C-alpha atoms as a PDB file:
ATOM      1  CA  ASP A   1      -9.013  -8.966   3.254  1.00  0.00           C
ATOM      2  CA  ILE A   2      -7.126  -7.484   6.236  1.00  0.00           C
ATOM      3  CA  ARG A   3      -7.021 -10.977   7.862  1.00  0.00           C
ATOM      4  CA  LEU A   4      -4.622 -11.964   5.127  1.00  0.00           C
ATOM      5  CA  SER A   5      -2.151  -9.121   5.852  1.00  0.00           C
ATOM      6  CA  TYR A   6       0.523 -11.499   7.131  1.00  0.00           C
ATOM      7  CA  ASP A   7       0.030 -14.298   4.603  1.00  0.00           C
ATOM      8  CA  THR A   8       1.638 -13.721   1.127  1.00  0.00           C
ATOM      9  CA  GLU A   9       0.306 -16.835  -0.474  1.00  0.00           C
ATOM     10  CA  LYS A  10      -3.280 -16.271   0.593  1.00  0.00           C
ATOM     11  CA  SER A  11      -3.162 -12.578  -0.380  1.00  0.00           C
ATOM     12  CA  VAL A  12      -1.946 -13.598  -3.904  1.00  0.00           C
ATOM     13  CA  GLU A  13      -4.677 -16.214  -4.192  1.00  0.00           C
ATOM     14  CA  ARG A  14      -7.383 -13.762  -3.083  1.00  0.00           C
ATOM     15  CA  ALA A  15      -6.213 -11.084  -5.460  1.00  0.00           C
ATOM     16  CA  ARG A  16      -6.165 -13.549  -8.343  1.00  0.00           C
ATOM     17  CA  ARG A  17      -9.696 -14.599  -7.502  1.00  0.00           C
ATOM     18  CA  ILE A  18     -10.853 -10.955  -7.500  1.00  0.00           C
ATOM     19  CA  ILE A  19      -9.272 -10.300 -10.867  1.00  0.00           C
ATOM     20  CA  ALA A  20     -10.783 -13.477 -12.252  1.00  0.00           C
ATOM     21  CA  MET A  21     -14.211 -12.363 -11.125  1.00  0.00           C
ATOM     22  CA  TYR A  22     -13.827  -8.958 -12.853  1.00  0.00           C
ATOM     23  CA  GLU A  23     -12.376 -10.473 -16.040  1.00  0.00           C
ATOM     24  CA  LYS A  24     -15.333 -12.959 -16.199  1.00  0.00           C
ATOM     25  CA  LEU A  25     -17.540  -9.869 -16.317  1.00  0.00           C
ATOM     26  CA  GLY A  26     -15.452  -8.415 -19.111  1.00  0.00           C
ATOM     27  CA  VAL A  27     -13.585  -5.887 -16.958  1.00  0.00           C
ATOM     28  CA  ASP A  28      -9.893  -5.565 -17.943  1.00  0.00           C
ATOM     29  CA  ARG A  29      -7.517  -6.142 -15.006  1.00  0.00           C
ATOM     30  CA  LYS A  30      -5.908  -2.733 -15.683  1.00  0.00           C
ATOM     31  CA  ARG A  31      -9.093  -1.123 -14.345  1.00  0.00           C
ATOM     32  CA  VAL A  32      -8.811  -2.993 -11.005  1.00  0.00           C
ATOM     33  CA  LEU A  33      -6.431  -1.967  -8.244  1.00  0.00           C
ATOM     34  CA  ILE A  34      -5.760  -4.558  -5.519  1.00  0.00           C
ATOM     35  CA  LYS A  35      -5.305  -3.038  -2.103  1.00  0.00           C
ATOM     36  CA  LEU A  36      -2.681  -4.783   0.113  1.00  0.00           C
ATOM     37  CA  ALA A  37      -1.388  -3.908   3.542  1.00  0.00           C
ATOM     38  CA  GLY A  38       2.148  -2.570   3.844  1.00  0.00           C
ATOM     39  CA  THR A  39       3.309  -5.564   5.770  1.00  0.00           C
ATOM     40  CA  TRP A  40       6.311  -7.472   4.552  1.00  0.00           C
ATOM     41  CA  GLU A  41       3.965 -10.251   3.343  1.00  0.00           C
ATOM     42  CA  GLY A  42       1.720  -7.773   1.630  1.00  0.00           C
ATOM     43  CA  ILE A  43       4.605  -6.184  -0.161  1.00  0.00           C
ATOM     44  CA  GLN A  44       5.856  -9.584  -1.259  1.00  0.00           C
ATOM     45  CA  ALA A  45       2.386 -10.410  -2.586  1.00  0.00           C
ATOM     46  CA  ALA A  46       2.473  -7.115  -4.581  1.00  0.00           C
ATOM     47  CA  ALA A  47       5.829  -8.129  -6.104  1.00  0.00           C
ATOM     48  CA  ILE A  48       4.360 -11.382  -7.284  1.00  0.00           C
ATOM     49  CA  LEU A  49       1.041  -9.853  -8.608  1.00  0.00           C
ATOM     50  CA  GLU A  50       2.718  -6.835 -10.378  1.00  0.00           C
ATOM     51  CA  LYS A  51       4.721  -9.413 -12.419  1.00  0.00           C
ATOM     52  CA  GLU A  52       1.406 -10.899 -13.492  1.00  0.00           C
ATOM     53  CA  GLY A  53       0.017  -7.604 -14.564  1.00  0.00           C
ATOM     54  CA  ILE A  54      -2.206  -7.105 -11.518  1.00  0.00           C
ATOM     55  CA  GLU A  55      -1.713  -3.548 -10.198  1.00  0.00           C
ATOM     56  CA  CYS A  56      -1.449  -3.089  -6.466  1.00  0.00           C
ATOM     57  CA  ASN A  57      -1.973  -0.307  -3.955  1.00  0.00           C
ATOM     58  CA  ILE A  58       0.142  -0.734  -0.831  1.00  0.00           C
ATOM     59  CA  THR A  59      -1.620   0.976   2.003  1.00  0.00           C
ATOM     60  CA  LEU A  60      -1.052   1.197   5.808  1.00  0.00           C
ATOM     61  CA  VAL A  61       2.360   2.685   5.084  1.00  0.00           C
ATOM     62  CA  PHE A  62       3.711   4.478   8.115  1.00  0.00           C
ATOM     63  CA  SER A  63       7.425   4.587   7.332  1.00  0.00           C
ATOM     64  CA  PHE A  64       9.929   5.373   4.595  1.00  0.00           C
ATOM     65  CA  LEU A  65      11.241   1.828   4.801  1.00  0.00           C
ATOM     66  CA  GLN A  66       7.762   0.451   3.950  1.00  0.00           C
ATOM     67  CA  ALA A  67       7.412   2.903   1.020  1.00  0.00           C
ATOM     68  CA  ALA A  68      10.868   1.994  -0.271  1.00  0.00           C
ATOM     69  CA  ALA A  69      10.117  -1.744  -0.019  1.00  0.00           C
ATOM     70  CA  ALA A  70       6.796  -1.230  -1.907  1.00  0.00           C
ATOM     71  CA  ALA A  71       8.548   0.737  -4.532  1.00  0.00           C
ATOM     72  CA  GLN A  72      11.247  -1.951  -4.971  1.00  0.00           C
ATOM     73  CA  ALA A  73       8.436  -4.484  -5.248  1.00  0.00           C
ATOM     74  CA  GLY A  74       7.001  -2.522  -8.171  1.00  0.00           C
ATOM     75  CA  ALA A  75       3.815  -1.500  -6.534  1.00  0.00           C
ATOM     76  CA  TYR A  76       1.602   0.641  -8.848  1.00  0.00           C
ATOM     77  CA  LEU A  77       0.519   2.903  -5.908  1.00  0.00           C
ATOM     78  CA  ILE A  78       1.860   3.484  -2.511  1.00  0.00           C
ATOM     79  CA  SER A  79      -0.384   5.182   0.021  1.00  0.00           C
ATOM     80  CA  PRO A  80       1.327   6.645   3.074  1.00  0.00           C
ATOM     81  CA  PHE A  81      -0.655   7.891   6.020  1.00  0.00           C
ATOM     82  CA  PRO A  82       0.274  11.626   6.369  1.00  0.00           C
ATOM     83  CA  GLY A  83      -1.395  11.867   9.820  1.00  0.00           C
ATOM     84  CA  ARG A  84       1.022   9.361  11.217  1.00  0.00           C
ATOM     85  CA  ILE A  85       4.030  11.164   9.749  1.00  0.00           C
ATOM     86  CA  LEU A  86       2.678  14.371  11.444  1.00  0.00           C
ATOM     87  CA  ASP A  87       2.313  12.499  14.778  1.00  0.00           C
ATOM     88  CA  TRP A  88       5.872  11.405  14.592  1.00  0.00           C
ATOM     89  CA  HIS A  89       7.154  14.846  13.940  1.00  0.00           C
ATOM     90  CA  LYS A  90       4.998  16.296  16.835  1.00  0.00           C
ATOM     91  CA  VAL A  91       6.574  13.796  19.322  1.00  0.00           C
ATOM     92  CA  LYS A  92      10.143  14.317  18.084  1.00  0.00           C
ATOM     93  CA  SER A  93       9.986  18.147  17.905  1.00  0.00           C
ATOM     94  CA  GLY A  94       7.692  18.772  20.983  1.00  0.00           C
ATOM     95  CA  ARG A  95       5.431  20.946  18.797  1.00  0.00           C
ATOM     96  CA  ASP A  96       1.647  20.814  19.189  1.00  0.00           C
ATOM     97  CA  SER A  97       0.777  21.846  15.628  1.00  0.00           C
ATOM     98  CA  TYR A  98       2.107  22.827  12.203  1.00  0.00           C
ATOM     99  CA  SER A  99       0.490  25.166   9.689  1.00  0.00           C
ATOM    100  CA  PRO A 100      -1.029  23.321   6.688  1.00  0.00           C
ATOM    101  CA  GLY A 101       1.897  24.485   4.462  1.00  0.00           C
ATOM    102  CA  ALA A 102       4.467  23.137   6.827  1.00  0.00           C
ATOM    103  CA  ASP A 103       2.729  19.924   7.847  1.00  0.00           C
ATOM    104  CA  PRO A 104       5.480  17.298   7.563  1.00  0.00           C
ATOM    105  CA  GLY A 105       2.946  14.709   6.497  1.00  0.00           C
ATOM    106  CA  VAL A 106       1.831  16.761   3.597  1.00  0.00           C
ATOM    107  CA  VAL A 107       5.278  18.051   2.627  1.00  0.00           C
ATOM    108  CA  ALA A 108       6.655  14.531   2.682  1.00  0.00           C
END
C-alpha cells in the first residue's frame, strides 16, 4: 500500500497481515514477496520483516544510496529504475541518447 511508504510500523503490520492471509490458505511465506517502497521507512520495514523470514522487494529505487541501504537491510530483491538512471546520465552528459549496449541504466 503506497500510502504506507513513510510509515515503518504500518508497513510491517500490513506485510504481516498479507503473509498471514496466504499462510491461512496453505501458501508458504517463501512463495510471497512483499513489495515496499525504497523510502527510509520502507527499508527499515524490510529489515524487520526479513528477520522474520518475510522476503521483501524494495522498489522505487532511484539511487545507489537507496540500493545500498536496502542491501544492508537484507532485502531479498532490490528493483532499481533503469530509466531514471538513464535520465540522470543524459542530464549530466548533455547527450540525447545512448545505444542499448551503452545505456547507463542497463549497464549499471
